[in-house]
């Protein structure tokens, strides 16, 4: 009785026990992604402000503070990213 072939043995160009090469990384504009996420947190915070009383009465005021924290952390992340970019430490 022989051992079954490895799962990728039937692929063209693959050898048993050999790992395939990793694909090239996809270039991504991280500044745009972080800016969009930070803006969404801020817009949601502002949208929830008129409902401050309702959120408190229903014990959901945490939603408001979560949006504020997301906005502040996004600003901090954007500042750190800009500092890294200025120092040439981008990926």
Protein backbone atom coordinates (compact mmCIF):
# COMPACT_ATOMS: atom_id res chain seq x y z
CA UNK A 1 0.00 0.00 0.00
CA UNK A 2 1.51 3.34 -1.04
CA UNK A 3 1.02 6.75 0.57
CA UNK A 4 -1.42 9.13 -1.13
CA UNK A 5 0.14 11.98 -3.12
CA UNK A 6 0.30 15.43 -1.53
CA UNK A 7 -2.77 17.62 -2.21
CA UNK A 8 -0.92 19.92 -4.61
CA UNK A 9 0.93 17.18 -6.49
CA UNK A 10 -1.47 17.37 -9.44
CA UNK A 11 -0.85 21.09 -10.07
CA UNK A 12 1.40 21.83 -13.03
CA UNK A 13 4.87 22.98 -12.01
CA UNK A 14 4.59 21.90 -8.37
CA UNK A 15 6.79 19.36 -6.70
CA UNK A 16 5.92 17.36 -3.62
CA UNK A 17 7.03 19.15 -0.46
CA UNK A 18 7.90 22.41 -2.25
CA UNK A 19 6.20 25.63 -1.17
CA UNK A 20 4.81 28.03 -3.73
CA UNK A 21 6.23 31.55 -3.92
CA UNK A 22 4.27 34.25 -2.16
CA UNK A 23 2.55 36.72 -4.48
CA UNK A 24 3.74 40.31 -4.67
CA UNK A 25 2.06 42.68 -2.18
CA UNK A 26 -0.72 44.84 -3.54
CA UNK A 27 0.05 48.56 -3.31
CA UNK A 28 -2.48 50.28 -1.05
CA UNK A 29 -2.95 53.95 -0.28
CA UNK A 30 -3.10 53.66 3.52
CA UNK A 31 -3.46 57.42 3.98
CA UNK A 32 -6.76 57.42 2.10
CA UNK A 33 -8.07 54.42 4.05
CA UNK A 34 -7.16 55.88 7.45
CA UNK A 35 -8.55 59.30 6.50
CA UNK A 36 -11.84 57.74 5.37
CA UNK A 37 -12.19 55.66 8.53
CA UNK A 38 -11.34 58.62 10.75
CA UNK A 39 -13.87 60.79 8.92
CA UNK A 40 -16.57 58.12 9.32
CA UNK A 41 -15.99 57.96 13.08
CA UNK A 42 -16.26 61.77 13.29
CA UNK A 43 -19.41 61.94 11.14
CA UNK A 44 -21.04 59.24 13.27
CA UNK A 45 -20.07 61.09 16.46
CA UNK A 46 -21.64 64.32 15.15
CA UNK A 47 -24.73 62.43 13.96
CA UNK A 48 -25.24 60.94 17.44
CA UNK A 49 -24.80 64.25 19.31
CA UNK A 50 -28.47 65.34 18.91
CA UNK A 51 -29.51 62.04 20.53
CA UNK A 52 -27.36 62.54 23.65
CA UNK A 53 -30.39 62.49 25.99
CA UNK A 54 -32.03 59.53 24.29
CA UNK A 55 -28.77 57.57 24.37
CA UNK A 56 -28.46 58.27 28.10
CA UNK A 57 -32.03 57.25 28.88
CA UNK A 58 -31.57 53.96 27.03
CA UNK A 59 -28.08 53.27 28.40
CA UNK A 60 -26.44 53.58 24.97
CA UNK A 61 -24.30 56.66 25.56
CA UNK A 62 -21.28 54.39 25.11
CA UNK A 63 -21.98 54.54 21.36
CA UNK A 64 -21.19 58.25 21.39
CA UNK A 65 -17.94 57.82 23.32
CA UNK A 66 -16.90 54.91 21.09
CA UNK A 67 -17.23 57.17 18.04
CA UNK A 68 -15.23 59.90 19.77
CA UNK A 69 -12.49 57.41 20.71
CA UNK A 70 -12.40 56.07 17.12
CA UNK A 71 -11.99 59.59 15.77
CA UNK A 72 -9.21 60.49 18.22
CA UNK A 73 -7.36 57.21 17.67
CA UNK A 74 -7.68 57.70 13.91
CA UNK A 75 -6.09 61.15 14.22
CA UNK A 76 -3.26 59.68 16.30
CA UNK A 77 -2.75 56.88 13.77
CA UNK A 78 -2.70 59.37 10.90
CA UNK A 79 -0.06 61.46 12.71
CA UNK A 80 2.08 58.38 13.37
CA UNK A 81 1.77 57.31 9.74
CA UNK A 82 2.85 60.75 8.53
CA UNK A 83 5.83 60.72 10.89
CA UNK A 84 6.90 57.29 9.62
CA UNK A 85 6.50 58.43 6.04
CA UNK A 86 8.68 61.50 6.72
CA UNK A 87 11.35 59.26 8.22
CA UNK A 88 11.21 56.89 5.23
CA UNK A 89 9.83 53.98 7.26
CA UNK A 90 6.97 53.07 4.96
CA UNK A 91 6.41 49.56 3.74
